């Protein structure tokens, strides 16, 4: 890199987002860590220091918050080179039990939030004629029982990725998606042993992935050498997307 590049990572305070943040810092990026989690965001800042990271508490569902985030980053650092849309929530239930509120909240964070971040990134990167956007989708877009809201939101993220790759390609901006499967995060750690064992048994690899597995793919996609890869979805799921099971 000729200059230190600026990366914005949403949902950066823990789990996969934290791993992505750490990997990008290790690769020489300055990271703007975005989250609504103040406590873990400050821990992240303490861990890496102000020379490598800054924390920005931002509600990615709020248009003005997102606009102010990008305006602030552009004013202070003069470019936005990488945006990783990792923030996401789940509100699982069978559709006949799911509330409209739980549907709306998941779509708002996972899809609308990613769209708002992509829109602001696209405006800047188009003018720069350079940039990388990586959207964290999920293998769940292929369909999971009890996740009509989450699966739909992640299918939307993949469609968004493909559209933006078409719109931004001629401006030297690549847009790709990463679709994790069963990853060892605070969310999976909260599952009962019985449920977790069944999920692991359904994996072709018979094991969970690690947050670093996702972070490694993000690092690959934002590298200068991978400019010609765009509009793609890369699965990090131990082969689960091919349909293999027990």
C-alpha atoms as a PDB file:
ATOM      1  CA  UNK A   1       0.000   0.000   0.000  1.00  0.00           C
ATOM      2  CA  UNK A   2       1.300   3.471  -0.849  1.00  0.00           C
ATOM      3  CA  UNK A   3      -0.616   5.042   2.033  1.00  0.00           C
ATOM      4  CA  UNK A   4      -2.327   3.763   5.104  1.00  0.00           C
ATOM      5  CA  UNK A   5      -5.789   2.760   4.019  1.00  0.00           C
ATOM      6  CA  UNK A   6      -8.936   3.443   6.000  1.00  0.00           C
ATOM      7  CA  UNK A   7     -11.382   0.609   6.700  1.00  0.00           C
ATOM      8  CA  UNK A   8     -14.805   0.908   8.306  1.00  0.00           C
ATOM      9  CA  UNK A   9     -16.096  -2.267   9.995  1.00  0.00           C
ATOM     10  CA  UNK A  10     -19.627  -2.492  11.422  1.00  0.00           C
ATOM     11  CA  UNK A  11     -20.513  -4.809  14.277  1.00  0.00           C
ATOM     12  CA  UNK A  12     -16.833  -4.570  15.177  1.00  0.00           C
ATOM     13  CA  UNK A  13     -17.022  -4.915  18.959  1.00  0.00           C
ATOM     14  CA  UNK A  14     -17.135  -8.709  19.244  1.00  0.00           C
ATOM     15  CA  UNK A  15     -17.272 -12.043  17.462  1.00  0.00           C
ATOM     16  CA  UNK A  16     -16.640 -12.056  13.723  1.00  0.00           C
ATOM     17  CA  UNK A  17     -16.466  -8.247  13.570  1.00  0.00           C
ATOM     18  CA  UNK A  18     -13.723  -8.135  16.172  1.00  0.00           C
ATOM     19  CA  UNK A  19     -11.741 -10.778  14.284  1.00  0.00           C
ATOM     20  CA  UNK A  20     -12.092  -8.818  11.038  1.00  0.00           C
ATOM     21  CA  UNK A  21     -10.971  -5.651  12.808  1.00  0.00           C
ATOM     22  CA  UNK A  22      -7.893  -7.349  14.242  1.00  0.00           C
ATOM     23  CA  UNK A  23      -6.935  -8.894  10.911  1.00  0.00           C
ATOM     24  CA  UNK A  24      -7.246  -5.607   9.023  1.00  0.00           C
ATOM     25  CA  UNK A  25      -5.132  -3.832  11.625  1.00  0.00           C
ATOM     26  CA  UNK A  26      -2.517  -6.591  11.301  1.00  0.00           C
ATOM     27  CA  UNK A  27      -2.544  -6.004   7.536  1.00  0.00           C
ATOM     28  CA  UNK A  28      -1.804  -2.298   8.011  1.00  0.00           C
ATOM     29  CA  UNK A  29      -5.239  -0.713   7.798  1.00  0.00           C
ATOM     30  CA  UNK A  30      -6.467   1.991  10.157  1.00  0.00           C
ATOM     31  CA  UNK A  31      -9.891   0.780  11.300  1.00  0.00           C
ATOM     32  CA  UNK A  32     -12.971   2.791  12.174  1.00  0.00           C
ATOM     33  CA  UNK A  33     -14.806   0.318  14.406  1.00  0.00           C
ATOM     34  CA  UNK A  34     -18.567   0.854  14.294  1.00  0.00           C
ATOM     35  CA  UNK A  35     -20.975  -0.622  16.832  1.00  0.00           C
ATOM     36  CA  UNK A  36     -23.786   0.254  19.232  1.00  0.00           C
ATOM     37  CA  UNK A  37     -21.965  -1.632  21.990  1.00  0.00           C
ATOM     38  CA  UNK A  38     -20.114   1.096  23.924  1.00  0.00           C
ATOM     39  CA  UNK A  39     -18.518  -1.181  26.488  1.00  0.00           C
ATOM     40  CA  UNK A  40     -16.927  -3.646  24.070  1.00  0.00           C
ATOM     41  CA  UNK A  41     -16.107  -0.842  21.644  1.00  0.00           C
ATOM     42  CA  UNK A  42     -14.021   0.880  24.288  1.00  0.00           C
ATOM     43  CA  UNK A  43     -12.307  -2.416  25.122  1.00  0.00           C
ATOM     44  CA  UNK A  44     -11.399  -2.730  21.446  1.00  0.00           C
ATOM     45  CA  UNK A  45      -9.934   0.773  21.503  1.00  0.00           C
ATOM     46  CA  UNK A  46      -7.922  -0.040  24.620  1.00  0.00           C
ATOM     47  CA  UNK A  47      -6.638  -3.259  23.057  1.00  0.00           C
ATOM     48  CA  UNK A  48      -5.318  -1.765  19.829  1.00  0.00           C
ATOM     49  CA  UNK A  49      -4.724   1.886  20.695  1.00  0.00           C
ATOM     50  CA  UNK A  50      -5.636   5.143  18.996  1.00  0.00           C
ATOM     51  CA  UNK A  51      -2.797   4.845  16.496  1.00  0.00           C
ATOM     52  CA  UNK A  52      -4.526   1.862  14.873  1.00  0.00           C
ATOM     53  CA  UNK A  53      -8.234   2.222  15.560  1.00  0.00           C
ATOM     54  CA  UNK A  54     -11.026   4.586  16.471  1.00  0.00           C
ATOM     55  CA  UNK A  55     -14.467   3.657  17.781  1.00  0.00           C
ATOM     56  CA  UNK A  56     -17.638   5.252  16.400  1.00  0.00           C
ATOM     57  CA  UNK A  57     -20.926   4.468  18.114  1.00  0.00           C
ATOM     58  CA  UNK A  58     -23.409   4.450  15.245  1.00  0.00           C
ATOM     59  CA  UNK A  59     -26.933   3.197  14.623  1.00  0.00           C
ATOM     60  CA  UNK A  60     -26.591   1.879  11.071  1.00  0.00           C
ATOM     61  CA  UNK A  61     -30.391   1.828  10.703  1.00  0.00           C
ATOM     62  CA  UNK A  62     -30.471   5.623  11.064  1.00  0.00           C
ATOM     63  CA  UNK A  63     -29.781   7.483   7.823  1.00  0.00           C
ATOM     64  CA  UNK A  64     -28.429  10.617   9.532  1.00  0.00           C
ATOM     65  CA  UNK A  65     -26.139   8.588  11.807  1.00  0.00           C
ATOM     66  CA  UNK A  66     -24.658   6.788   8.801  1.00  0.00           C
ATOM     67  CA  UNK A  67     -24.223  10.003   6.836  1.00  0.00           C
ATOM     68  CA  UNK A  68     -22.502  11.665   9.788  1.00  0.00           C
ATOM     69  CA  UNK A  69     -20.226   8.643  10.207  1.00  0.00           C
ATOM     70  CA  UNK A  70     -18.966   8.866   6.632  1.00  0.00           C
ATOM     71  CA  UNK A  71     -18.714  12.653   6.680  1.00  0.00           C
ATOM     72  CA  UNK A  72     -16.608  12.449   9.832  1.00  0.00           C
ATOM     73  CA  UNK A  73     -14.315   9.748   8.451  1.00  0.00           C
ATOM     74  CA  UNK A  74     -13.832  11.586   5.150  1.00  0.00           C
ATOM     75  CA  UNK A  75     -13.122  14.893   6.895  1.00  0.00           C
ATOM     76  CA  UNK A  76     -10.578  13.394   9.289  1.00  0.00           C
ATOM     77  CA  UNK A  77      -8.907  10.713   7.169  1.00  0.00           C
ATOM     78  CA  UNK A  78      -9.622  11.967   3.604  1.00  0.00           C
ATOM     79  CA  UNK A  79     -10.647   8.606   2.147  1.00  0.00           C
ATOM     80  CA  UNK A  80     -12.760   5.525   2.721  1.00  0.00           C
ATOM     81  CA  UNK A  81     -10.932   2.602   1.184  1.00  0.00           C
ATOM     82  CA  UNK A  82     -12.725  -0.425   2.645  1.00  0.00           C
ATOM     83  CA  UNK A  83     -16.179  -0.952   4.134  1.00  0.00           C
ATOM     84  CA  UNK A  84     -17.079  -4.251   5.788  1.00  0.00           C
ATOM     85  CA  UNK A  85     -20.767  -4.595   6.613  1.00  0.00           C
ATOM     86  CA  UNK A  86     -20.769  -7.162   9.388  1.00  0.00           C
ATOM     87  CA  UNK A  87     -23.414  -5.890  11.843  1.00  0.00           C
ATOM     88  CA  UNK A  88     -26.410  -8.176  12.182  1.00  0.00           C
ATOM     89  CA  UNK A  89     -29.014  -9.509  14.581  1.00  0.00           C
ATOM     90  CA  UNK A  90     -31.303 -12.537  14.793  1.00  0.00           C
ATOM     91  CA  UNK A  91     -34.861 -12.882  16.103  1.00  0.00           C
ATOM     92  CA  UNK A  92     -35.676 -16.508  15.309  1.00  0.00           C
ATOM     93  CA  UNK A  93     -39.111 -18.098  15.338  1.00  0.00           C
ATOM     94  CA  UNK A  94     -41.378 -20.146  13.122  1.00  0.00           C
ATOM     95  CA  UNK A  95     -43.290 -17.805  10.846  1.00  0.00           C
ATOM     96  CA  UNK A  96     -46.656 -18.470  12.533  1.00  0.00           C
ATOM     97  CA  UNK A  97     -45.137 -17.296  15.819  1.00  0.00           C
ATOM     98  CA  UNK A  98     -43.020 -14.431  14.498  1.00  0.00           C
ATOM     99  CA  UNK A  99     -44.078 -10.866  15.255  1.00  0.00           C
ATOM    100  CA  UNK A 100     -43.961  -8.042  12.726  1.00  0.00           C
ATOM    101  CA  UNK A 101     -41.606  -6.255  15.112  1.00  0.00           C
ATOM    102  CA  UNK A 102     -39.116  -9.139  14.986  1.00  0.00           C
ATOM    103  CA  UNK A 103     -39.316  -9.235  11.202  1.00  0.00           C
ATOM    104  CA  UNK A 104     -38.827  -5.483  10.882  1.00  0.00           C
ATOM    105  CA  UNK A 105     -35.923  -5.278  13.328  1.00  0.00           C
ATOM    106  CA  UNK A 106     -33.924  -7.970  11.509  1.00  0.00           C
ATOM    107  CA  UNK A 107     -34.569  -6.487   8.070  1.00  0.00           C
ATOM    108  CA  UNK A 108     -33.704  -3.005   9.352  1.00  0.00           C
ATOM    109  CA  UNK A 109     -30.317  -3.955  10.769  1.00  0.00           C
ATOM    110  CA  UNK A 110     -29.220  -6.697   8.402  1.00  0.00           C
ATOM    111  CA  UNK A 111     -30.455  -5.313   5.089  1.00  0.00           C
ATOM    112  CA  UNK A 112     -31.427  -1.659   5.419  1.00  0.00           C
ATOM    113  CA  UNK A 113     -28.373  -0.956   7.587  1.00  0.00           C
ATOM    114  CA  UNK A 114     -26.070  -2.597   5.061  1.00  0.00           C
ATOM    115  CA  UNK A 115     -27.802  -0.686   2.238  1.00  0.00           C
ATOM    116  CA  UNK A 116     -27.340   2.659   3.987  1.00  0.00           C
ATOM    117  CA  UNK A 117     -23.656   1.913   4.592  1.00  0.00           C
ATOM    118  CA  UNK A 118     -23.204   0.809   0.973  1.00  0.00           C
ATOM    119  CA  UNK A 119     -24.917   3.909  -0.381  1.00  0.00           C
ATOM    120  CA  UNK A 120     -22.603   6.291   1.470  1.00  0.00           C
ATOM    121  CA  UNK A 121     -19.561   4.172   0.625  1.00  0.00           C
ATOM    122  CA  UNK A 122     -20.564   4.091  -3.049  1.00  0.00           C
ATOM    123  CA  UNK A 123     -20.856   7.877  -3.229  1.00  0.00           C
ATOM    124  CA  UNK A 124     -17.323   8.316  -1.905  1.00  0.00           C
ATOM    125  CA  UNK A 125     -15.665   5.401  -3.692  1.00  0.00           C
ATOM    126  CA  UNK A 126     -17.198   6.374  -7.035  1.00  0.00           C
ATOM    127  CA  UNK A 127     -15.518   9.784  -6.785  1.00  0.00           C
ATOM    128  CA  UNK A 128     -12.233   8.257  -5.573  1.00  0.00           C
ATOM    129  CA  UNK A 129     -12.407   5.676  -8.344  1.00  0.00           C
ATOM    130  CA  UNK A 130     -11.262   3.053  -5.875  1.00  0.00           C
ATOM    131  CA  UNK A 131     -12.574   0.993  -2.973  1.00  0.00           C
ATOM    132  CA  UNK A 132     -13.628  -2.357  -1.599  1.00  0.00           C
ATOM    133  CA  UNK A 133     -16.964  -3.300  -0.055  1.00  0.00           C
ATOM    134  CA  UNK A 134     -17.428  -6.649   1.664  1.00  0.00           C
ATOM    135  CA  UNK A 135     -20.866  -7.600   2.924  1.00  0.00           C
ATOM    136  CA  UNK A 136     -21.135 -10.347   5.516  1.00  0.00           C
ATOM    137  CA  UNK A 137     -24.098 -12.456   4.456  1.00  0.00           C
ATOM    138  CA  UNK A 138     -24.799 -15.976   5.746  1.00  0.00           C
ATOM    139  CA  UNK A 139     -25.257 -19.515   4.518  1.00  0.00           C
ATOM    140  CA  UNK A 140     -28.739 -19.074   5.989  1.00  0.00           C
ATOM    141  CA  UNK A 141     -29.813 -17.229   2.845  1.00  0.00           C
ATOM    142  CA  UNK A 142     -30.293 -20.710   1.357  1.00  0.00           C
ATOM    143  CA  UNK A 143     -33.005 -21.274   3.967  1.00  0.00           C
ATOM    144  CA  UNK A 144     -33.188 -22.248   7.634  1.00  0.00           C
ATOM    145  CA  UNK A 145     -36.305 -23.264   9.528  1.00  0.00           C
ATOM    146  CA  UNK A 146     -37.308 -20.552  11.978  1.00  0.00           C
ATOM    147  CA  UNK A 147     -35.370 -17.842  10.166  1.00  0.00           C
ATOM    148  CA  UNK A 148     -37.778 -16.430   7.598  1.00  0.00           C
ATOM    149  CA  UNK A 149     -36.683 -12.918   8.602  1.00  0.00           C
ATOM    150  CA  UNK A 150     -32.939 -13.600   8.897  1.00  0.00           C
ATOM    151  CA  UNK A 151     -32.680 -15.741   5.749  1.00  0.00           C
ATOM    152  CA  UNK A 152     -34.615 -13.143   3.756  1.00  0.00           C
ATOM    153  CA  UNK A 153     -32.361 -10.361   5.034  1.00  0.00           C
ATOM    154  CA  UNK A 154     -29.200 -12.227   4.077  1.00  0.00           C
ATOM    155  CA  UNK A 155     -30.595 -13.148   0.652  1.00  0.00           C
ATOM    156  CA  UNK A 156     -31.159  -9.420   0.220  1.00  0.00           C
ATOM    157  CA  UNK A 157     -27.544  -8.724   1.162  1.00  0.00           C
ATOM    158  CA  UNK A 158     -26.333 -11.098  -1.542  1.00  0.00           C
ATOM    159  CA  UNK A 159     -28.613  -9.493  -4.133  1.00  0.00           C
ATOM    160  CA  UNK A 160     -27.411  -6.049  -3.015  1.00  0.00           C
ATOM    161  CA  UNK A 161     -23.808  -7.194  -3.444  1.00  0.00           C
ATOM    162  CA  UNK A 162     -24.428  -8.347  -6.993  1.00  0.00           C
ATOM    163  CA  UNK A 163     -26.191  -5.133  -7.998  1.00  0.00           C
ATOM    164  CA  UNK A 164     -23.472  -2.913  -6.550  1.00  0.00           C
ATOM    165  CA  UNK A 165     -20.766  -4.929  -8.288  1.00  0.00           C
ATOM    166  CA  UNK A 166     -22.513  -4.074 -11.570  1.00  0.00           C
ATOM    167  CA  UNK A 167     -22.988  -0.412 -10.691  1.00  0.00           C
ATOM    168  CA  UNK A 168     -19.512   0.253  -9.300  1.00  0.00           C
ATOM    169  CA  UNK A 169     -17.284  -1.985 -11.377  1.00  0.00           C
ATOM    170  CA  UNK A 170     -16.280   0.702 -13.870  1.00  0.00           C
ATOM    171  CA  UNK A 171     -15.202   2.951 -10.996  1.00  0.00           C
ATOM    172  CA  UNK A 172     -12.567   0.471  -9.780  1.00  0.00           C
ATOM    173  CA  UNK A 173     -14.710  -0.561  -6.807  1.00  0.00           C
ATOM    174  CA  UNK A 174     -15.182  -4.252  -6.017  1.00  0.00           C
ATOM    175  CA  UNK A 175     -18.159  -5.523  -4.022  1.00  0.00           C
ATOM    176  CA  UNK A 176     -18.263  -9.064  -2.649  1.00  0.00           C
ATOM    177  CA  UNK A 177     -20.056 -11.068   0.020  1.00  0.00           C
ATOM    178  CA  UNK A 178     -18.868 -13.620   2.552  1.00  0.00           C
ATOM    179  CA  UNK A 179     -21.379 -16.201   3.755  1.00  0.00           C
ATOM    180  CA  UNK A 180     -20.368 -17.779   7.077  1.00  0.00           C
ATOM    181  CA  UNK A 181     -21.973 -20.918   8.403  1.00  0.00           C
ATOM    182  CA  UNK A 182     -21.582 -22.330  11.897  1.00  0.00           C
ATOM    183  CA  UNK A 183     -18.911 -20.158  13.534  1.00  0.00           C
ATOM    184  CA  UNK A 184     -17.722 -20.266  17.154  1.00  0.00           C
ATOM    185  CA  UNK A 185     -19.022 -16.911  18.422  1.00  0.00           C
ATOM    186  CA  UNK A 186     -20.764 -15.676  21.603  1.00  0.00           C
ATOM    187  CA  UNK A 187     -24.066 -16.483  19.853  1.00  0.00           C
ATOM    188  CA  UNK A 188     -23.264 -20.143  19.227  1.00  0.00           C
ATOM    189  CA  UNK A 189     -21.675 -20.455  22.665  1.00  0.00           C
ATOM    190  CA  UNK A 190     -25.051 -19.527  24.178  1.00  0.00           C
ATOM    191  CA  UNK A 191     -26.733 -22.582  22.608  1.00  0.00           C
ATOM    192  CA  UNK A 192     -27.377 -25.708  24.645  1.00  0.00           C
ATOM    193  CA  UNK A 193     -24.851 -28.541  24.284  1.00  0.00           C
ATOM    194  CA  UNK A 194     -27.542 -30.744  22.715  1.00  0.00           C
ATOM    195  CA  UNK A 195     -28.389 -28.227  20.001  1.00  0.00           C
ATOM    196  CA  UNK A 196     -24.750 -27.400  19.342  1.00  0.00           C
ATOM    197  CA  UNK A 197     -23.801 -31.072  19.003  1.00  0.00           C
ATOM    198  CA  UNK A 198     -26.560 -31.609  16.427  1.00  0.00           C
ATOM    199  CA  UNK A 199     -25.418 -28.589  14.421  1.00  0.00           C
ATOM    200  CA  UNK A 200     -21.811 -29.736  14.445  1.00  0.00           C
ATOM    201  CA  UNK A 201     -22.833 -33.277  13.461  1.00  0.00           C
ATOM    202  CA  UNK A 202     -24.591 -31.867  10.383  1.00  0.00           C
ATOM    203  CA  UNK A 203     -21.346 -30.240   9.219  1.00  0.00           C
ATOM    204  CA  UNK A 204     -19.358 -32.091   6.543  1.00  0.00           C
ATOM    205  CA  UNK A 205     -16.233 -31.119   8.503  1.00  0.00           C
ATOM    206  CA  UNK A 206     -17.834 -32.113  11.862  1.00  0.00           C
ATOM    207  CA  UNK A 207     -16.575 -28.904  13.436  1.00  0.00           C
ATOM    208  CA  UNK A 208     -17.369 -25.217  13.790  1.00  0.00           C
ATOM    209  CA  UNK A 209     -15.428 -22.501  12.048  1.00  0.00           C
ATOM    210  CA  UNK A 210     -13.596 -19.736  13.844  1.00  0.00           C
ATOM    211  CA  UNK A 211     -14.093 -15.962  13.479  1.00  0.00           C
ATOM    212  CA  UNK A 212     -10.567 -15.849  12.037  1.00  0.00           C
ATOM    213  CA  UNK A 213     -11.730 -18.068   9.149  1.00  0.00           C
ATOM    214  CA  UNK A 214     -14.132 -15.323   8.088  1.00  0.00           C
ATOM    215  CA  UNK A 215     -11.600 -12.562   8.729  1.00  0.00           C
ATOM    216  CA  UNK A 216      -9.067 -14.309   6.476  1.00  0.00           C
ATOM    217  CA  UNK A 217     -11.487 -14.268   3.544  1.00  0.00           C
ATOM    218  CA  UNK A 218     -12.314 -10.595   4.115  1.00  0.00           C
ATOM    219  CA  UNK A 219      -8.572  -9.825   4.112  1.00  0.00           C
ATOM    220  CA  UNK A 220      -8.245 -11.688   0.805  1.00  0.00           C
ATOM    221  CA  UNK A 221     -11.106  -9.761  -0.804  1.00  0.00           C
ATOM    222  CA  UNK A 222      -9.818  -6.318   0.211  1.00  0.00           C
ATOM    223  CA  UNK A 223      -6.249  -6.987  -0.936  1.00  0.00           C
ATOM    224  CA  UNK A 224      -4.988  -5.062  -3.954  1.00  0.00           C
ATOM    225  CA  UNK A 225      -4.257  -8.323  -5.772  1.00  0.00           C
ATOM    226  CA  UNK A 226      -7.948  -9.352  -5.843  1.00  0.00           C
ATOM    227  CA  UNK A 227      -9.380  -6.345  -7.687  1.00  0.00           C
ATOM    228  CA  UNK A 228     -10.707  -8.536 -10.519  1.00  0.00           C
ATOM    229  CA  UNK A 229     -12.956 -10.492  -8.141  1.00  0.00           C
ATOM    230  CA  UNK A 230     -16.339  -8.794  -7.748  1.00  0.00           C
ATOM    231  CA  UNK A 231     -19.997  -9.695  -7.330  1.00  0.00           C
ATOM    232  CA  UNK A 232     -19.099 -13.009  -5.691  1.00  0.00           C
ATOM    233  CA  UNK A 233     -20.293 -14.812  -2.560  1.00  0.00           C
ATOM    234  CA  UNK A 234     -17.662 -16.895  -0.807  1.00  0.00           C
ATOM    235  CA  UNK A 235     -18.936 -19.475   1.666  1.00  0.00           C
ATOM    236  CA  UNK A 236     -17.064 -20.027   4.932  1.00  0.00           C
ATOM    237  CA  UNK A 237     -19.188 -22.850   6.273  1.00  0.00           C
ATOM    238  CA  UNK A 238     -17.238 -26.105   6.241  1.00  0.00           C
ATOM    239  CA  UNK A 239     -19.044 -27.212   3.096  1.00  0.00           C
ATOM    240  CA  UNK A 240     -22.561 -26.986   4.547  1.00  0.00           C
ATOM    241  CA  UNK A 241     -23.865 -25.019   1.553  1.00  0.00           C
ATOM    242  CA  UNK A 242     -23.387 -28.007  -0.766  1.00  0.00           C
ATOM    243  CA  UNK A 243     -26.166 -29.804   1.102  1.00  0.00           C
ATOM    244  CA  UNK A 244     -24.123 -32.485   2.827  1.00  0.00           C
ATOM    245  CA  UNK A 245     -25.334 -33.515   6.264  1.00  0.00           C
ATOM    246  CA  UNK A 246     -25.383 -36.426   8.644  1.00  0.00           C
END
